[in-house]
């Protein structure tokens, strides 16, 4: 029995990759670390930005890695072993994580900053140039 998907319409050609991306996102539902996504309004000629803020308490700059892979922003954290410690209670999570965000075409990472246990990643999407392309029709005999 074949599975019918929303992208099976004959009017949606070439959206196979998007369908696979949506499936991958739905499977990655781990809630750690918690994050916010906010829109920062355009000001004085600068374009509108998006800011992703992750709560990464206990992680240092060296233990975090931010990269873009294809159209995905991947944020990884792995705490280094700090030697033997004798915890009476350990409530601060120190597990490794990987958080992936799918980026629309043209999205660019402006930069990232770590302050007070919060990792902020700023993104912009430059306004694309509007193009109209004329397609010639060939007549065959």
N, C-alpha and C. Protein backbone atom coordinates (compact mmCIF):
# COMPACT_ATOMS: atom_id res chain seq x y z
N UNK A 1 0.85 -1.17 0.00
CA UNK A 1 0.00 0.00 0.00
C UNK A 1 0.89 1.24 0.00
N UNK A 2 0.68 2.13 -0.95
CA UNK A 2 1.52 3.32 -1.02
C UNK A 2 0.93 4.43 -0.15
N UNK A 3 1.83 5.24 0.33
CA UNK A 3 1.45 6.33 1.22
C UNK A 3 1.20 7.59 0.40
N UNK A 4 0.09 8.26 0.62
CA UNK A 4 -0.21 9.50 -0.08
C UNK A 4 0.20 10.66 0.82
N UNK A 5 0.99 11.55 0.26
CA UNK A 5 1.50 12.69 1.03
C UNK A 5 0.97 13.99 0.44
N UNK A 6 1.05 15.06 1.20
CA UNK A 6 0.59 16.36 0.67
C UNK A 6 1.38 16.81 -0.56
N UNK A 7 2.61 16.30 -0.71
CA UNK A 7 3.45 16.71 -1.82
C UNK A 7 3.29 15.80 -3.03
N UNK A 8 2.29 14.91 -3.02
CA UNK A 8 2.07 13.99 -4.13
C UNK A 8 1.28 14.63 -5.26
N UNK A 9 0.84 15.86 -5.09
CA UNK A 9 0.07 16.55 -6.11
C UNK A 9 0.92 16.77 -7.36
N UNK A 10 0.34 16.60 -8.54
CA UNK A 10 1.10 16.85 -9.77
C UNK A 10 1.45 18.33 -9.96
N UNK A 11 0.86 19.20 -9.17
CA UNK A 11 1.17 20.63 -9.27
C UNK A 11 2.38 21.03 -8.43
N UNK A 12 2.85 20.15 -7.56
CA UNK A 12 4.01 20.43 -6.71
C UNK A 12 5.19 19.58 -7.18
N UNK A 13 5.91 20.09 -8.14
CA UNK A 13 7.03 19.35 -8.72
C UNK A 13 8.33 19.74 -8.04
N UNK A 14 9.14 18.76 -7.68
CA UNK A 14 10.46 19.02 -7.11
C UNK A 14 10.46 19.33 -5.63
N UNK A 15 9.41 19.00 -4.89
CA UNK A 15 9.33 19.27 -3.46
C UNK A 15 9.69 18.04 -2.62
N UNK A 16 10.34 17.04 -3.21
CA UNK A 16 10.69 15.82 -2.49
C UNK A 16 11.59 16.13 -1.30
N UNK A 17 12.58 17.00 -1.50
CA UNK A 17 13.52 17.33 -0.42
C UNK A 17 12.80 17.99 0.73
N UNK A 18 11.81 18.85 0.43
CA UNK A 18 11.07 19.52 1.49
C UNK A 18 10.27 18.50 2.30
N UNK A 19 9.70 17.52 1.62
CA UNK A 19 8.94 16.48 2.32
C UNK A 19 9.85 15.70 3.27
N UNK A 20 11.04 15.36 2.82
CA UNK A 20 11.99 14.63 3.67
C UNK A 20 12.42 15.49 4.87
N UNK A 21 12.61 16.79 4.63
CA UNK A 21 12.98 17.70 5.71
C UNK A 21 11.89 17.76 6.77
N UNK A 22 10.64 17.86 6.33
CA UNK A 22 9.52 17.90 7.28
C UNK A 22 9.42 16.61 8.09
N UNK A 23 9.68 15.48 7.46
CA UNK A 23 9.67 14.20 8.20
C UNK A 23 10.77 14.19 9.25
N UNK A 24 11.97 14.68 8.88
CA UNK A 24 13.10 14.70 9.81
C UNK A 24 12.80 15.62 11.00
N UNK A 25 12.16 16.75 10.74
CA UNK A 25 11.83 17.70 11.81
C UNK A 25 10.82 17.07 12.77
N UNK A 26 9.83 16.39 12.25
CA UNK A 26 8.80 15.81 13.12
C UNK A 26 9.37 14.73 14.03
N UNK A 27 10.44 14.07 13.59
CA UNK A 27 11.05 13.02 14.42
C UNK A 27 11.94 13.61 15.52
N UNK A 28 12.48 14.81 15.31
CA UNK A 28 13.39 15.43 16.28
C UNK A 28 12.59 16.30 17.24
N UNK A 29 11.95 15.68 18.21
CA UNK A 29 11.08 16.45 19.10
C UNK A 29 11.64 16.55 20.53
N UNK A 30 12.93 16.30 20.71
CA UNK A 30 13.54 16.43 22.03
C UNK A 30 13.47 17.89 22.47
N UNK A 31 13.09 18.14 23.71
CA UNK A 31 12.89 19.50 24.18
C UNK A 31 14.12 20.13 24.80
N UNK A 32 15.30 19.51 24.66
CA UNK A 32 16.50 20.02 25.29
C UNK A 32 17.48 20.49 24.24
N UNK A 33 18.06 21.62 24.36
CA UNK A 33 17.78 22.67 25.34
C UNK A 33 16.58 23.50 24.88
N UNK A 34 15.89 24.13 25.83
CA UNK A 34 14.77 24.99 25.44
C UNK A 34 15.28 26.19 24.65
N UNK A 35 14.41 26.72 23.79
CA UNK A 35 14.82 27.85 22.94
C UNK A 35 13.65 28.78 22.67
N UNK A 36 13.99 29.99 22.26
CA UNK A 36 13.02 30.99 21.80
C UNK A 36 13.42 31.42 20.40
N UNK A 37 12.43 31.82 19.61
CA UNK A 37 12.69 32.44 18.31
C UNK A 37 11.92 33.76 18.31
N UNK A 38 12.64 34.85 18.06
CA UNK A 38 11.98 36.14 18.06
C UNK A 38 12.29 36.91 16.78
N UNK A 39 11.38 37.77 16.41
CA UNK A 39 11.55 38.64 15.25
C UNK A 39 11.99 40.00 15.75
N UNK A 40 13.06 40.53 15.16
CA UNK A 40 13.58 41.84 15.54
C UNK A 40 13.31 42.77 14.36
N UNK A 41 12.51 43.80 14.61
CA UNK A 41 12.07 44.70 13.56
C UNK A 41 13.24 45.41 12.89
N UNK A 42 13.04 45.74 11.63
CA UNK A 42 14.05 46.48 10.87
C UNK A 42 14.18 47.88 11.44
N UNK A 43 15.42 48.37 11.46
CA UNK A 43 15.64 49.74 11.94
C UNK A 43 16.78 50.38 11.18
N UNK A 44 16.63 51.65 10.89
CA UNK A 44 17.64 52.48 10.21
C UNK A 44 18.32 51.77 9.04
N UNK A 45 17.53 51.22 8.14
CA UNK A 45 18.07 50.61 6.94
C UNK A 45 18.48 49.15 7.07
N UNK A 46 18.61 48.65 8.30
CA UNK A 46 18.98 47.24 8.49
C UNK A 46 17.74 46.37 8.27
N UNK A 47 17.88 45.22 7.63
CA UNK A 47 16.72 44.37 7.38
C UNK A 47 16.20 43.72 8.66
N UNK A 48 14.99 43.23 8.59
CA UNK A 48 14.40 42.50 9.72
C UNK A 48 15.26 41.26 10.01
N UNK A 49 15.39 40.94 11.29
CA UNK A 49 16.21 39.79 11.70
C UNK A 49 15.38 38.81 12.50
N UNK A 50 15.87 37.59 12.56
CA UNK A 50 15.34 36.58 13.46
C UNK A 50 16.44 36.26 14.45
N UNK A 51 16.07 36.02 15.70
CA UNK A 51 17.04 35.64 16.72
C UNK A 51 16.57 34.36 17.38
N UNK A 52 17.44 33.36 17.35
CA UNK A 52 17.20 32.10 18.05
C UNK A 52 18.03 32.15 19.32
N UNK A 53 17.38 31.96 20.47
CA UNK A 53 18.07 31.99 21.75
C UNK A 53 17.88 30.65 22.44
N UNK A 54 19.00 29.98 22.75
CA UNK A 54 18.96 28.69 23.43
C UNK A 54 19.48 28.84 24.85
N UNK A 55 18.85 28.15 25.79
CA UNK A 55 19.30 28.14 27.18
C UNK A 55 20.37 27.05 27.31
N UNK A 56 21.62 27.46 27.42
CA UNK A 56 22.74 26.52 27.46
C UNK A 56 23.56 26.72 28.73
N UNK A 57 22.88 26.78 29.86
CA UNK A 57 23.56 26.97 31.14
C UNK A 57 24.59 25.87 31.35
N UNK A 58 25.77 26.28 31.78
CA UNK A 58 26.83 25.31 32.07
C UNK A 58 27.74 25.02 30.89
N UNK A 59 27.40 25.50 29.69
CA UNK A 59 28.25 25.28 28.51
C UNK A 59 29.12 26.50 28.28
N UNK A 60 30.38 26.27 27.95
CA UNK A 60 31.28 27.37 27.60
C UNK A 60 31.32 27.51 26.08
N UNK A 61 31.93 28.58 25.62
CA UNK A 61 32.04 28.83 24.18
C UNK A 61 32.74 27.67 23.46
N UNK A 62 33.75 27.08 24.10
CA UNK A 62 34.50 25.98 23.48
C UNK A 62 33.68 24.70 23.37
N UNK A 63 32.64 24.58 24.16
CA UNK A 63 31.83 23.36 24.18
C UNK A 63 30.63 23.45 23.24
N UNK A 64 30.48 24.58 22.55
CA UNK A 64 29.37 24.78 21.63
C UNK A 64 29.90 24.88 20.20
N UNK A 65 29.11 24.37 19.26
CA UNK A 65 29.49 24.41 17.85
C UNK A 65 28.25 24.80 17.04
N UNK A 66 28.41 25.80 16.19
CA UNK A 66 27.32 26.26 15.33
C UNK A 66 27.79 26.15 13.89
N UNK A 67 26.99 25.49 13.05
CA UNK A 67 27.36 25.35 11.65
C UNK A 67 26.10 25.34 10.79
N UNK A 68 26.30 25.59 9.50
CA UNK A 68 25.21 25.44 8.55
C UNK A 68 25.57 24.29 7.63
N UNK A 69 24.64 23.40 7.45
CA UNK A 69 24.81 22.24 6.59
C UNK A 69 23.62 22.21 5.65
N UNK A 70 23.90 22.42 4.36
CA UNK A 70 22.86 22.57 3.35
C UNK A 70 21.94 23.71 3.79
N UNK A 71 20.67 23.50 3.95
CA UNK A 71 19.76 24.57 4.39
C UNK A 71 19.38 24.39 5.85
N UNK A 72 20.31 23.95 6.67
CA UNK A 72 20.02 23.72 8.08
C UNK A 72 21.05 24.42 8.95
N UNK A 73 20.56 25.00 10.03
CA UNK A 73 21.42 25.55 11.07
C UNK A 73 21.52 24.48 12.14
N UNK A 74 22.72 24.03 12.44
CA UNK A 74 22.93 22.96 13.41
C UNK A 74 23.73 23.51 14.58
N UNK A 75 23.16 23.38 15.78
CA UNK A 75 23.82 23.84 17.00
C UNK A 75 24.07 22.62 17.86
N UNK A 76 25.34 22.38 18.20
CA UNK A 76 25.71 21.22 19.01
C UNK A 76 26.38 21.67 20.29
N UNK A 77 26.16 20.91 21.35
CA UNK A 77 26.81 21.18 22.62
C UNK A 77 27.31 19.89 23.23
N UNK A 78 28.53 19.93 23.71
CA UNK A 78 29.11 18.76 24.37
C UNK A 78 30.02 19.25 25.47
N UNK A 79 29.64 18.99 26.72
CA UNK A 79 30.46 19.46 27.84
C UNK A 79 31.68 18.56 28.01
N UNK A 80 32.80 19.21 28.26
CA UNK A 80 34.05 18.50 28.50
C UNK A 80 34.06 17.99 29.93
N UNK A 81 34.72 16.89 30.15
CA UNK A 81 34.81 16.31 31.49
C UNK A 81 35.64 17.25 32.37
N UNK A 82 35.08 17.64 33.50
CA UNK A 82 35.75 18.58 34.39
C UNK A 82 36.36 17.87 35.59
N UNK A 83 36.73 16.63 35.40
CA UNK A 83 37.34 15.88 36.50
C UNK A 83 36.32 15.34 37.47
N UNK A 84 36.80 14.76 38.52
CA UNK A 84 35.91 14.17 39.53
C UNK A 84 35.30 15.24 40.40
N UNK A 85 33.99 15.20 40.49
CA UNK A 85 33.26 16.10 41.39
C UNK A 85 32.31 15.24 42.20
N UNK A 86 32.11 15.62 43.42
CA UNK A 86 31.23 14.88 44.32
C UNK A 86 29.94 15.67 44.50
N UNK A 87 28.95 15.43 43.60
CA UNK A 87 27.67 16.15 43.66
C UNK A 87 26.78 15.56 44.76
N UNK A 88 26.20 16.40 45.56
CA UNK A 88 25.17 15.98 46.50
C UNK A 88 23.82 15.96 45.80
N UNK A 89 23.65 16.90 44.88
CA UNK A 89 22.45 16.95 44.04
C UNK A 89 22.86 17.57 42.72
N UNK A 90 22.40 16.98 41.62
CA UNK A 90 22.75 17.52 40.31
C UNK A 90 21.47 17.77 39.52
N UNK A 91 21.05 19.03 39.46
CA UNK A 91 19.83 19.41 38.77
C UNK A 91 20.07 20.12 37.45
N UNK A 92 21.31 20.51 37.18
CA UNK A 92 21.64 21.18 35.93
C UNK A 92 22.07 20.12 34.92
N UNK A 93 21.32 20.05 33.82
CA UNK A 93 21.62 19.05 32.80
C UNK A 93 22.99 19.32 32.18
N UNK A 94 23.73 18.26 31.94
CA UNK A 94 25.04 18.42 31.32
C UNK A 94 25.21 17.44 30.17
N UNK A 95 24.10 17.04 29.59
CA UNK A 95 24.19 16.09 28.48
C UNK A 95 24.48 16.82 27.17
N UNK A 96 24.97 16.07 26.23
CA UNK A 96 25.24 16.67 24.93
C UNK A 96 23.91 16.86 24.19
N UNK A 97 23.91 17.76 23.22
CA UNK A 97 22.69 18.00 22.46
C UNK A 97 23.04 18.40 21.04
N UNK A 98 22.04 18.26 20.19
CA UNK A 98 22.10 18.77 18.83
C UNK A 98 20.72 19.31 18.50
N UNK A 99 20.65 20.57 18.15
CA UNK A 99 19.38 21.22 17.81
C UNK A 99 19.51 21.70 16.36
N UNK A 100 18.55 21.32 15.52
CA UNK A 100 18.59 21.64 14.10
C UNK A 100 17.41 22.52 13.72
N UNK A 101 17.69 23.57 12.97
CA UNK A 101 16.67 24.47 12.45
C UNK A 101 16.78 24.49 10.93
N UNK A 102 15.69 24.28 10.24
CA UNK A 102 15.69 24.32 8.78
C UNK A 102 15.54 25.78 8.35
N UNK A 103 16.44 26.21 7.47
CA UNK A 103 16.45 27.60 7.01
C UNK A 103 15.85 27.69 5.61
N UNK A 104 15.07 28.73 5.37
CA UNK A 104 14.53 28.99 4.04
C UNK A 104 15.68 29.41 3.13
N UNK A 105 15.47 29.26 1.84
CA UNK A 105 16.49 29.68 0.88
C UNK A 105 16.83 31.15 1.08
N UNK A 106 18.10 31.46 1.07
CA UNK A 106 18.56 32.84 1.20
C UNK A 106 18.83 33.29 2.62
N UNK A 107 18.42 32.50 3.63
CA UNK A 107 18.68 32.88 5.03
C UNK A 107 20.19 32.84 5.28
N UNK A 108 20.67 33.83 6.02
CA UNK A 108 22.09 33.92 6.34
C UNK A 108 22.26 34.11 7.84
N UNK A 109 23.31 33.49 8.38
CA UNK A 109 23.63 33.66 9.79
C UNK A 109 24.52 34.89 9.93
N UNK A 110 24.05 35.87 10.72
CA UNK A 110 24.84 37.09 10.96
C UNK A 110 25.93 36.86 11.98
N UNK A 111 25.60 36.13 13.05
CA UNK A 111 26.57 35.90 14.11
C UNK A 111 25.90 35.25 15.30
N UNK A 112 26.72 34.97 16.30
CA UNK A 112 26.23 34.32 17.52
C UNK A 112 26.95 34.90 18.72
N UNK A 113 26.25 34.88 19.86
CA UNK A 113 26.84 35.38 21.09
C UNK A 113 26.38 34.57 22.28
N UNK A 114 27.23 34.45 23.28
CA UNK A 114 26.94 33.69 24.50
C UNK A 114 27.03 34.65 25.68
N UNK A 115 25.91 34.81 26.40
CA UNK A 115 25.90 35.72 27.54
C UNK A 115 24.92 35.19 28.58
N UNK A 116 25.39 35.08 29.82
CA UNK A 116 24.56 34.65 30.95
C UNK A 116 23.86 33.32 30.70
N UNK A 117 24.54 32.39 30.06
CA UNK A 117 23.96 31.06 29.83
C UNK A 117 22.98 30.99 28.68
N UNK A 118 22.88 32.07 27.89
CA UNK A 118 21.99 32.09 26.74
C UNK A 118 22.81 32.26 25.46
N UNK A 119 22.61 31.37 24.52
CA UNK A 119 23.28 31.44 23.22
C UNK A 119 22.30 32.06 22.24
N UNK A 120 22.69 33.18 21.63
CA UNK A 120 21.83 33.86 20.66
C UNK A 120 22.46 33.77 19.28
N UNK A 121 21.64 33.38 18.29
CA UNK A 121 22.08 33.29 16.91
C UNK A 121 21.17 34.20 16.09
N UNK A 122 21.76 35.18 15.40
CA UNK A 122 20.99 36.13 14.59
C UNK A 122 21.02 35.71 13.13
N UNK A 123 19.85 35.79 12.49
CA UNK A 123 19.68 35.42 11.09
C UNK A 123 19.02 36.56 10.34
N UNK A 124 19.35 36.68 9.04
CA UNK A 124 18.65 37.63 8.18
C UNK A 124 18.29 36.93 6.88
N UNK A 125 17.30 37.48 6.22
CA UNK A 125 16.96 37.02 4.88
C UNK A 125 16.94 38.25 3.99
N UNK A 126 18.02 38.46 3.24
CA UNK A 126 18.04 39.62 2.34
C UNK A 126 16.89 39.52 1.34
N UNK A 127 16.35 40.66 0.99
CA UNK A 127 15.24 40.71 0.05
C UNK A 127 15.76 40.26 -1.32
N UNK A 128 15.18 39.19 -1.89
CA UNK A 128 15.67 38.71 -3.19
C UNK A 128 15.27 39.66 -4.31
N UNK A 129 16.11 39.71 -5.32
CA UNK A 129 15.80 40.53 -6.49
C UNK A 129 14.68 39.85 -7.27
N UNK A 130 13.69 40.62 -7.63
CA UNK A 130 12.56 40.08 -8.39
C UNK A 130 12.98 39.94 -9.85
N UNK A 131 12.82 38.71 -10.38
CA UNK A 131 13.22 38.45 -11.75
C UNK A 131 12.05 37.86 -12.52
N UNK A 132 11.91 38.30 -13.74
CA UNK A 132 10.95 37.72 -14.67
C UNK A 132 11.75 37.22 -15.84
N UNK A 133 11.56 35.95 -16.18
CA UNK A 133 12.32 35.36 -17.27
C UNK A 133 11.35 34.92 -18.35
N UNK A 134 11.60 35.37 -19.56
CA UNK A 134 10.77 35.02 -20.71
C UNK A 134 11.25 33.68 -21.25
N UNK A 135 10.32 32.76 -21.45
CA UNK A 135 10.63 31.44 -22.00
C UNK A 135 10.20 31.42 -23.45
N UNK A 136 11.14 31.19 -24.34
CA UNK A 136 10.84 31.13 -25.77
C UNK A 136 10.18 29.80 -26.12
N UNK A 137 9.27 29.84 -27.03
CA UNK A 137 8.58 28.64 -27.50
C UNK A 137 9.14 28.27 -28.86
N UNK A 138 9.62 27.04 -28.98
CA UNK A 138 10.14 26.59 -30.26
C UNK A 138 9.04 25.85 -31.01
N UNK A 139 9.00 26.04 -32.30
CA UNK A 139 8.00 25.40 -33.15
C UNK A 139 8.71 24.32 -33.95
N UNK A 140 8.18 23.11 -33.84
CA UNK A 140 8.78 22.01 -34.62
C UNK A 140 7.82 21.59 -35.71
N UNK A 141 8.35 21.20 -36.84
CA UNK A 141 7.54 20.82 -38.00
C UNK A 141 7.35 19.35 -38.10
